[in-house]
C-alpha atoms as a PDB file:
ATOM      1  CA  UNK A   1      42.454   7.561 -77.887  1.00  0.00           C
ATOM      2  CA  UNK A   2      44.056   8.603 -81.131  1.00  0.00           C
ATOM      3  CA  UNK A   3      43.973  12.066 -82.634  1.00  0.00           C
ATOM      4  CA  UNK A   4      44.723  12.654 -86.305  1.00  0.00           C
ATOM      5  CA  UNK A   5      45.470  16.125 -87.598  1.00  0.00           C
ATOM      6  CA  UNK A   6      45.525  16.637 -91.340  1.00  0.00           C
ATOM      7  CA  UNK A   7      46.914  19.576 -93.234  1.00  0.00           C
ATOM      8  CA  UNK A   8      47.835  20.654 -96.733  1.00  0.00           C
ATOM      9  CA  UNK A   9      44.596  20.776 -98.662  1.00  0.00           C
ATOM     10  CA  UNK A  10      43.570  23.722-100.775  1.00  0.00           C
ATOM     11  CA  UNK A  11      42.767  25.034-104.218  1.00  0.00           C
ATOM     12  CA  UNK A  12      45.051  24.291-107.153  1.00  0.00           C
ATOM     13  CA  UNK A  13      44.842  24.514-110.896  1.00  0.00           C
ATOM     14  CA  UNK A  14      44.821  21.532-113.216  1.00  0.00           C
ATOM     15  CA  UNK A  15      48.290  20.071-113.483  1.00  0.00           C
ATOM     16  CA  UNK A  16      49.374  21.494-110.163  1.00  0.00           C
ATOM     17  CA  UNK A  17      50.610  19.774-107.042  1.00  0.00           C
ATOM     18  CA  UNK A  18      49.615  19.565-103.400  1.00  0.00           C
ATOM     19  CA  UNK A  19      51.075  17.750-100.448  1.00  0.00           C
ATOM     20  CA  UNK A  20      48.964  16.437 -97.578  1.00  0.00           C
ATOM     21  CA  UNK A  21      50.179  15.361 -94.180  1.00  0.00           C
ATOM     22  CA  UNK A  22      48.536  13.622 -91.252  1.00  0.00           C
ATOM     23  CA  UNK A  23      50.025  13.396 -87.772  1.00  0.00           C
ATOM     24  CA  UNK A  24      48.778  10.849 -85.271  1.00  0.00           C
ATOM     25  CA  UNK A  25      49.044  11.324 -81.533  1.00  0.00           C
ATOM     26  CA  UNK A  26      47.709   9.674 -78.392  1.00  0.00           C
ATOM     27  CA  UNK A  27      48.245   6.403 -76.589  1.00  0.00           C
ATOM     28  CA  UNK A  28      49.649   4.621 -79.624  1.00  0.00           C
ATOM     29  CA  UNK A  29      51.827   1.573 -79.137  1.00  0.00           C
ATOM     30  CA  UNK A  30      52.382   0.993 -82.828  1.00  0.00           C
ATOM     31  CA  UNK A  31      50.871   1.807 -86.197  1.00  0.00           C
ATOM     32  CA  UNK A  32      50.461  -0.734 -88.963  1.00  0.00           C
ATOM     33  CA  UNK A  33      48.675   0.605 -92.002  1.00  0.00           C
ATOM     34  CA  UNK A  34      48.423   4.291 -92.830  1.00  0.00           C
ATOM     35  CA  UNK A  35      46.372   5.456 -95.741  1.00  0.00           C
ATOM     36  CA  UNK A  36      44.497   8.159 -97.555  1.00  0.00           C
ATOM     37  CA  UNK A  37      40.909   8.010 -98.742  1.00  0.00           C
ATOM     38  CA  UNK A  38      38.776  10.561-100.516  1.00  0.00           C
ATOM     39  CA  UNK A  39      35.128  11.337-100.941  1.00  0.00           C
ATOM     40  CA  UNK A  40      33.739  13.475-103.713  1.00  0.00           C
ATOM     41  CA  UNK A  41      30.225  14.971-103.525  1.00  0.00           C
ATOM     42  CA  UNK A  42      27.605  12.334-104.189  1.00  0.00           C
ATOM     43  CA  UNK A  43      30.154   9.516-104.224  1.00  0.00           C
ATOM     44  CA  UNK A  44      31.314   6.877-101.798  1.00  0.00           C
ATOM     45  CA  UNK A  45      34.566   7.198 -99.927  1.00  0.00           C
ATOM     46  CA  UNK A  46      37.322   5.431-101.841  1.00  0.00           C
ATOM     47  CA  UNK A  47      40.859   4.330-101.148  1.00  0.00           C
ATOM     48  CA  UNK A  48      43.525   6.559-102.677  1.00  0.00           C
ATOM     49  CA  UNK A  49      46.711   5.037-101.309  1.00  0.00           C
ATOM     50  CA  UNK A  50      47.810   2.940 -98.411  1.00  0.00           C
ATOM     51  CA  UNK A  51      51.102   1.931 -96.829  1.00  0.00           C
ATOM     52  CA  UNK A  52      52.032  -0.877 -94.448  1.00  0.00           C
ATOM     53  CA  UNK A  53      54.640  -0.572 -91.754  1.00  0.00           C
ATOM     54  CA  UNK A  54      56.833  -2.907 -93.773  1.00  0.00           C
ATOM     55  CA  UNK A  55      56.861  -0.466 -96.669  1.00  0.00           C
ATOM     56  CA  UNK A  56      54.353  -2.022 -99.042  1.00  0.00           C
ATOM     57  CA  UNK A  57      52.164   0.480-100.841  1.00  0.00           C
ATOM     58  CA  UNK A  58      48.960   0.255-102.803  1.00  0.00           C
ATOM     59  CA  UNK A  59      47.329   2.884-105.014  1.00  0.00           C
ATOM     60  CA  UNK A  60      44.007   3.387-106.727  1.00  0.00           C
ATOM     61  CA  UNK A  61      44.407   2.958-110.471  1.00  0.00           C
ATOM     62  CA  UNK A  62      43.257   6.521-111.044  1.00  0.00           C
ATOM     63  CA  UNK A  63      46.206   7.994-109.125  1.00  0.00           C
ATOM     64  CA  UNK A  64      49.027   5.614-110.018  1.00  0.00           C
ATOM     65  CA  UNK A  65      52.023   7.482-111.324  1.00  0.00           C
ATOM     66  CA  UNK A  66      50.730  10.817-110.018  1.00  0.00           C
ATOM     67  CA  UNK A  67      50.390  10.369-106.240  1.00  0.00           C
ATOM     68  CA  UNK A  68      52.978   9.101-103.793  1.00  0.00           C
ATOM     69  CA  UNK A  69      52.323   7.978-100.240  1.00  0.00           C
ATOM     70  CA  UNK A  70      55.109   8.037 -97.698  1.00  0.00           C
ATOM     71  CA  UNK A  71      55.394   7.795 -93.946  1.00  0.00           C
ATOM     72  CA  UNK A  72      57.664   8.663 -91.086  1.00  0.00           C
ATOM     73  CA  UNK A  73      57.127   6.008 -88.450  1.00  0.00           C
ATOM     74  CA  UNK A  74      59.167   7.878 -85.866  1.00  0.00           C
ATOM     75  CA  UNK A  75      56.827  10.851 -86.186  1.00  0.00           C
ATOM     76  CA  UNK A  76      53.597   8.856 -86.645  1.00  0.00           C
ATOM     77  CA  UNK A  77      53.051  10.841 -89.819  1.00  0.00           C
ATOM     78  CA  UNK A  78      51.795   9.909 -93.256  1.00  0.00           C
ATOM     79  CA  UNK A  79      52.124  12.079 -96.341  1.00  0.00           C
ATOM     80  CA  UNK A  80      50.483  12.182 -99.741  1.00  0.00           C
ATOM     81  CA  UNK A  81      52.263  13.976-102.562  1.00  0.00           C
ATOM     82  CA  UNK A  82      49.815  14.713-105.353  1.00  0.00           C
ATOM     83  CA  UNK A  83      51.120  15.759-108.751  1.00  0.00           C
ATOM     84  CA  UNK A  84      49.464  16.380-112.109  1.00  0.00           C
ATOM     85  CA  UNK A  85      46.172  17.032-110.374  1.00  0.00           C
ATOM     86  CA  UNK A  86      42.965  16.689-112.351  1.00  0.00           C
ATOM     87  CA  UNK A  87      39.457  18.038-111.698  1.00  0.00           C
ATOM     88  CA  UNK A  88      38.405  14.463-110.892  1.00  0.00           C
ATOM     89  CA  UNK A  89      40.741  14.569-107.885  1.00  0.00           C
ATOM     90  CA  UNK A  90      38.511  17.157-106.222  1.00  0.00           C
ATOM     91  CA  UNK A  91      37.281  15.667-102.957  1.00  0.00           C
ATOM     92  CA  UNK A  92      37.632  15.698 -99.217  1.00  0.00           C
ATOM     93  CA  UNK A  93      40.710  13.672 -98.342  1.00  0.00           C
ATOM     94  CA  UNK A  94      40.832  11.660 -95.127  1.00  0.00           C
ATOM     95  CA  UNK A  95      43.750   9.926 -93.522  1.00  0.00           C
ATOM     96  CA  UNK A  96      43.219   6.605 -91.814  1.00  0.00           C
ATOM     97  CA  UNK A  97      45.506   4.647 -89.545  1.00  0.00           C
ATOM     98  CA  UNK A  98      45.239   1.284 -87.876  1.00  0.00           C
ATOM     99  CA  UNK A  99      46.890   1.672 -84.500  1.00  0.00           C
ATOM    100  CA  UNK A 100      47.535  -0.642 -81.595  1.00  0.00           C
ATOM    101  CA  UNK A 101      46.090   0.911 -78.446  1.00  0.00           C
ATOM    102  CA  UNK A 102      46.745  -1.322 -75.461  1.00  0.00           C
ATOM    103  CA  UNK A 103      45.797  -4.744 -76.795  1.00  0.00           C
ATOM    104  CA  UNK A 104      43.305  -3.534 -79.380  1.00  0.00           C
ATOM    105  CA  UNK A 105      43.849  -2.498 -82.990  1.00  0.00           C
ATOM    106  CA  UNK A 106      41.661   0.476 -83.831  1.00  0.00           C
ATOM    107  CA  UNK A 107      40.845   2.166 -87.114  1.00  0.00           C
ATOM    108  CA  UNK A 108      41.070   5.944 -86.834  1.00  0.00           C
ATOM    109  CA  UNK A 109      40.040   8.730 -89.201  1.00  0.00           C
ATOM    110  CA  UNK A 110      41.165  12.309 -89.620  1.00  0.00           C
ATOM    111  CA  UNK A 111      38.723  15.177 -89.918  1.00  0.00           C
ATOM    112  CA  UNK A 112      39.258  15.526 -93.648  1.00  0.00           C
ATOM    113  CA  UNK A 113      40.866  18.220 -95.760  1.00  0.00           C
ATOM    114  CA  UNK A 114      39.367  19.688 -98.915  1.00  0.00           C
ATOM    115  CA  UNK A 115      41.264  19.451-102.184  1.00  0.00           C
ATOM    116  CA  UNK A 116      39.816  21.396-105.089  1.00  0.00           C
ATOM    117  CA  UNK A 117      41.285  21.271-108.579  1.00  0.00           C
ATOM    118  CA  UNK A 118      40.071  23.996-110.889  1.00  0.00           C
ATOM    119  CA  UNK A 119      40.082  23.699-114.666  1.00  0.00           C
END
């Protein structure tokens, strides 16, 4: 099994910054993709940013230039630096990793952390 522990959410004013982190633990042989998703009230969960083990990254258009995803493979940790936050960024943020457990690749979700941007 894989456990994901997220931290770093909170309340911030418009234009402020927050940094999220997500640590994976358990019987992990390797991790390929690590990413962040978010879900605002009444909306579907959407991709925010995602990173492959090889270093390729992908961002939602709405966060390009403001958010940065990074990872520490040795620590099984993924980070999301969020700058110039806007009210529209208010959501529950979830980390997701695709991990090799034994011979199976599994998709795993964190418990979510609330980010609230006040105007």
